Protein backbone atom coordinates (compact mmCIF):
# COMPACT_ATOMS: atom_id res chain seq x y z
CA MET A 1 67.39 39.62 162.71
CA THR A 2 65.52 42.44 160.98
CA TYR A 3 67.77 45.23 159.75
CA LEU A 4 66.54 48.76 159.28
CA PHE A 5 68.41 49.23 156.04
CA PRO A 6 66.45 50.58 153.08
CA ASN A 7 66.38 48.57 149.87
CA GLN A 8 69.21 49.44 147.52
CA VAL A 9 69.70 47.98 144.05
CA THR A 10 72.90 45.94 143.90
CA ARG A 11 75.10 47.23 141.08
CA VAL A 12 78.54 46.44 142.47
CA ILE A 13 80.59 43.72 140.72
CA ILE A 14 82.46 41.64 143.28
CA PRO A 15 85.65 39.90 142.14
CA PRO A 16 85.72 36.08 142.42
CA GLU A 17 88.88 36.34 144.53
CA PRO A 18 89.26 39.74 146.25
CA GLU A 19 92.84 40.98 146.33
CA CYS A 20 94.72 41.65 149.54
CA ILE A 21 94.04 45.13 150.86
CA GLN A 22 97.10 46.77 152.38
CA THR A 23 96.80 49.72 154.76
CA LYS A 24 99.50 51.54 156.71
CA ARG A 25 99.79 48.82 159.37
CA LEU A 26 97.56 45.99 158.22
CA LEU A 27 97.05 43.28 155.63
CA LEU A 28 93.43 42.40 154.92
CA MET A 29 93.40 38.95 153.34
CA ALA A 30 90.33 37.38 151.72
CA ILE A 31 88.79 35.01 154.23
CA GLN A 32 89.27 31.27 153.66
CA PRO A 33 87.85 28.15 155.38
CA ALA A 34 91.36 27.44 156.68
CA ASP A 35 91.15 30.66 158.72
CA ALA A 36 88.57 29.10 161.06
CA PRO A 37 90.99 28.34 163.95
CA GLY A 38 92.29 31.91 164.07
CA ILE A 39 88.82 33.41 163.81
CA PHE A 40 87.49 31.02 166.46
CA THR A 41 90.03 32.45 168.91
CA ILE A 42 88.41 35.86 168.42
CA ARG A 43 84.74 34.94 168.26
CA SER A 44 84.98 32.62 171.26
CA HIS A 45 86.40 35.39 173.45
CA PRO A 46 83.75 36.57 175.97
CA GLU A 47 84.53 40.26 175.46
CA VAL A 48 83.92 39.89 171.73
CA ALA A 49 80.99 37.52 172.00
CA LYS A 50 78.89 39.84 174.16
CA PHE A 51 78.54 42.14 171.15
CA LEU A 52 77.88 39.38 168.61
CA TRP A 53 74.27 38.75 167.68
CA GLN A 54 74.25 35.16 168.89
CA LYS A 55 75.03 36.56 172.39
CA GLU A 56 77.16 33.55 173.40
CA PRO A 57 80.81 32.77 172.60
CA GLU A 58 81.28 30.23 169.85
CA SER A 59 81.90 26.97 171.71
CA ASP A 60 83.47 24.95 168.90
CA ILE A 61 85.23 25.55 165.64
CA GLN A 62 82.32 24.13 163.63
CA GLN A 63 80.30 27.22 164.58
CA THR A 64 83.08 29.41 163.22
CA GLU A 65 83.22 27.38 160.01
CA LYS A 66 79.47 27.91 159.63
CA TRP A 67 79.95 31.66 160.18
CA ILE A 68 82.61 31.78 157.45
CA ALA A 69 80.35 29.88 155.04
CA GLY A 70 77.57 32.36 155.79
CA LYS A 71 79.70 35.22 154.50
CA THR A 72 79.16 33.96 150.94
CA PHE A 73 76.43 36.15 149.47
CA ALA A 74 73.18 34.28 148.89
CA THR A 75 72.10 36.88 146.32
CA PRO A 76 73.80 37.87 143.03
CA ASP A 77 76.01 40.90 142.65
CA GLY A 78 75.46 43.51 139.94
CA SER A 79 76.77 41.18 137.24
CA GLY A 80 74.50 38.35 138.33
CA ALA A 81 77.36 36.33 139.81
CA LEU A 82 76.63 34.13 142.83
CA ASN A 83 78.75 32.64 145.62
CA ARG A 84 81.05 35.59 146.07
CA ARG A 85 82.11 37.41 149.21
CA PHE A 86 83.98 40.49 150.31
CA GLN A 87 85.16 39.44 153.76
CA PHE A 88 88.71 39.61 155.13
CA VAL A 89 90.88 38.56 158.04
CA ILE A 90 92.95 41.29 159.69
CA ILE A 91 96.70 40.66 160.02
CA ARG A 92 99.38 43.07 161.23
CA ALA A 93 101.75 43.80 158.36
CA ASP A 94 104.82 43.53 160.62
CA ASP A 95 103.84 40.16 162.10
CA PRO A 96 105.93 37.36 160.53
CA ALA A 97 103.59 34.77 162.05
CA GLN A 98 100.61 36.40 160.28
CA ARG A 99 98.36 35.90 163.30
CA ILE A 100 94.71 36.69 162.62
CA ILE A 101 93.63 39.48 164.96
CA GLY A 102 90.20 40.24 163.54
CA THR A 103 87.74 40.16 160.67
CA VAL A 104 86.18 42.88 158.55
CA GLY A 105 84.02 42.96 155.45
CA ILE A 106 80.66 43.31 153.77
CA ASN A 107 78.11 41.13 155.54
CA SER A 108 75.32 41.13 152.98
CA LEU A 109 74.01 42.75 149.80
CA ILE A 110 70.30 42.61 150.70
CA PRO A 111 68.51 44.83 151.51
CA ALA A 112 71.67 46.96 151.18
CA PRO A 113 75.44 46.45 151.62
CA SER A 114 76.46 46.51 155.27
CA ILE A 115 79.89 46.36 156.86
CA GLY A 116 80.87 44.44 159.97
CA TYR A 117 84.06 43.85 161.95
CA ALA A 118 85.48 42.23 165.08
CA LEU A 119 88.89 42.48 166.71
CA HIS A 120 90.59 40.46 169.43
CA PRO A 121 90.51 42.46 172.70
CA GLU A 122 94.30 42.26 172.95
CA PHE A 123 94.40 44.80 170.11
CA TRP A 124 91.58 47.14 171.13
CA GLY A 125 92.37 50.83 171.44
CA LEU A 126 95.15 50.86 168.85
CA GLY A 127 93.11 52.11 165.90
CA TYR A 128 93.26 48.80 164.01
CA SER A 129 89.48 48.49 163.57
CA THR A 130 89.22 52.04 162.26
CA GLU A 131 92.06 51.38 159.81
CA ALA A 132 90.61 48.05 158.68
CA VAL A 133 87.12 49.47 158.09
CA GLN A 134 88.61 52.34 156.10
CA GLY A 135 90.63 49.91 154.00
CA VAL A 136 87.64 47.73 153.13
CA MET A 137 85.41 50.73 152.54
CA ASN A 138 87.89 52.34 150.15
CA ALA A 139 88.28 49.07 148.23
CA TRP A 140 84.48 48.65 148.10
CA TRP A 141 83.94 52.07 146.53
CA GLN A 142 86.60 51.29 143.91
CA LEU A 143 84.85 48.16 142.63
CA PRO A 144 83.13 48.56 139.25
CA ARG A 145 79.36 48.98 139.02
CA VAL A 146 76.78 48.13 136.38
CA LYS A 147 74.53 50.89 135.07
CA PRO A 148 70.78 50.25 134.71
CA ASN A 149 71.31 49.85 130.94
CA GLY A 150 73.82 47.05 131.58
CA GLN A 151 76.93 49.03 130.71
CA LEU A 152 79.87 49.18 133.08
CA ASN A 153 80.14 52.20 135.29
CA GLY A 154 83.11 53.45 137.25
CA PRO A 155 83.54 53.24 141.03
CA GLY A 156 80.80 54.24 143.47
CA ASP A 157 79.39 57.65 142.50
CA GLY A 158 78.16 58.87 145.88
CA LYS A 159 74.51 57.98 145.36
CA GLU A 160 75.08 54.52 146.81
CA MET A 161 75.09 54.05 150.57
CA LEU A 162 77.00 51.68 152.83
CA TYR A 163 75.36 50.69 156.13
CA ALA A 164 76.35 49.35 159.54
CA CYS A 165 74.70 48.55 162.84
CA CYS A 166 76.08 47.92 166.30
CA ASN A 167 75.07 47.62 169.93
CA SER A 168 74.91 51.16 171.31
CA GLU A 169 76.73 49.94 174.43
CA ASN A 170 79.73 49.15 172.25
CA ALA A 171 81.32 52.59 172.49
CA GLY A 172 84.45 51.48 170.66
CA SER A 173 82.50 50.25 167.64
CA MET A 174 80.42 53.42 167.58
CA LYS A 175 83.64 55.45 167.50
CA VAL A 176 85.07 53.34 164.66
CA LEU A 177 82.05 54.11 162.49
CA GLU A 178 82.05 57.77 163.36
CA LYS A 179 85.75 58.12 162.52
CA ASN A 180 85.06 56.53 159.13
CA GLY A 181 82.40 59.08 158.24
CA PHE A 182 79.30 57.07 159.11
CA ARG A 183 76.38 59.02 160.50
CA LEU A 184 73.83 57.70 162.98
CA TYR A 185 70.29 57.71 161.58
CA ASP A 186 68.27 55.50 163.94
CA LYS A 187 68.29 53.60 167.23
CA VAL A 188 65.88 50.80 168.02
CA ALA A 189 65.32 48.24 170.77
CA LEU A 190 66.16 44.83 169.33
CA GLU A 191 66.72 41.48 171.02
CA GLY A 192 67.15 43.10 174.42
CA HIS A 193 69.62 45.73 173.23
CA ILE A 194 69.54 49.22 171.79
CA VAL A 195 70.91 48.88 168.27
CA ALA A 196 72.33 51.89 166.47
CA TYR A 197 72.03 52.12 162.68
CA TRP A 198 74.58 54.04 160.61
CA ARG A 199 75.10 54.96 156.96
CA ARG A 200 77.51 56.83 154.71
CA GLY A 201 77.84 57.54 151.03
CA CYS A 202 80.82 57.27 148.77
CA GLU A 203 81.90 60.84 149.46
CA THR A 204 79.67 62.52 152.02
CA GLU A 205 76.39 62.09 153.89
CA SER A 206 74.95 65.27 152.32
CA HIS A 207 73.26 63.69 149.26
């Protein structure tokens, strides 16, 4: 798929093992290969699959394992490190069984960092996706960056953008992005769908 994201120099330094992100109601745990069965339950659901780019529900767990492996960045982060990822499973903090109800994270670094998410339909309409995206986004902006001269910089300074895209028929996903401060900047026909492209900066969309 061709993404309409502008090129952005990767300066973020991604930790080898991202820490758990805790929000008001959720635990966002770094994704692991062992999470494949729980994620398969979500990605094989027809109501989820119709908004996934492969258009069909995942029919076996090997497809889910391949999806997880694909979340490892194929390009280096700002420090030059390879084979890192910033992808999480979504778990309700009050669930002793720690059932996986969704996924959220940064999909790629090239041409620019983009965020993606999916939630089991059983939990739609409860604000979990909005909360999870906010949690990952806040953690992303707090990661250290490398300046052009090689010195360490602080967290995201507002000049950097974070991107997202979704099927424009997916009203719930559109609302999640809007609530998290993303602003629509383009819509294009792609693979039989109208795809909406969104972006937001560290602080505001005004820069």
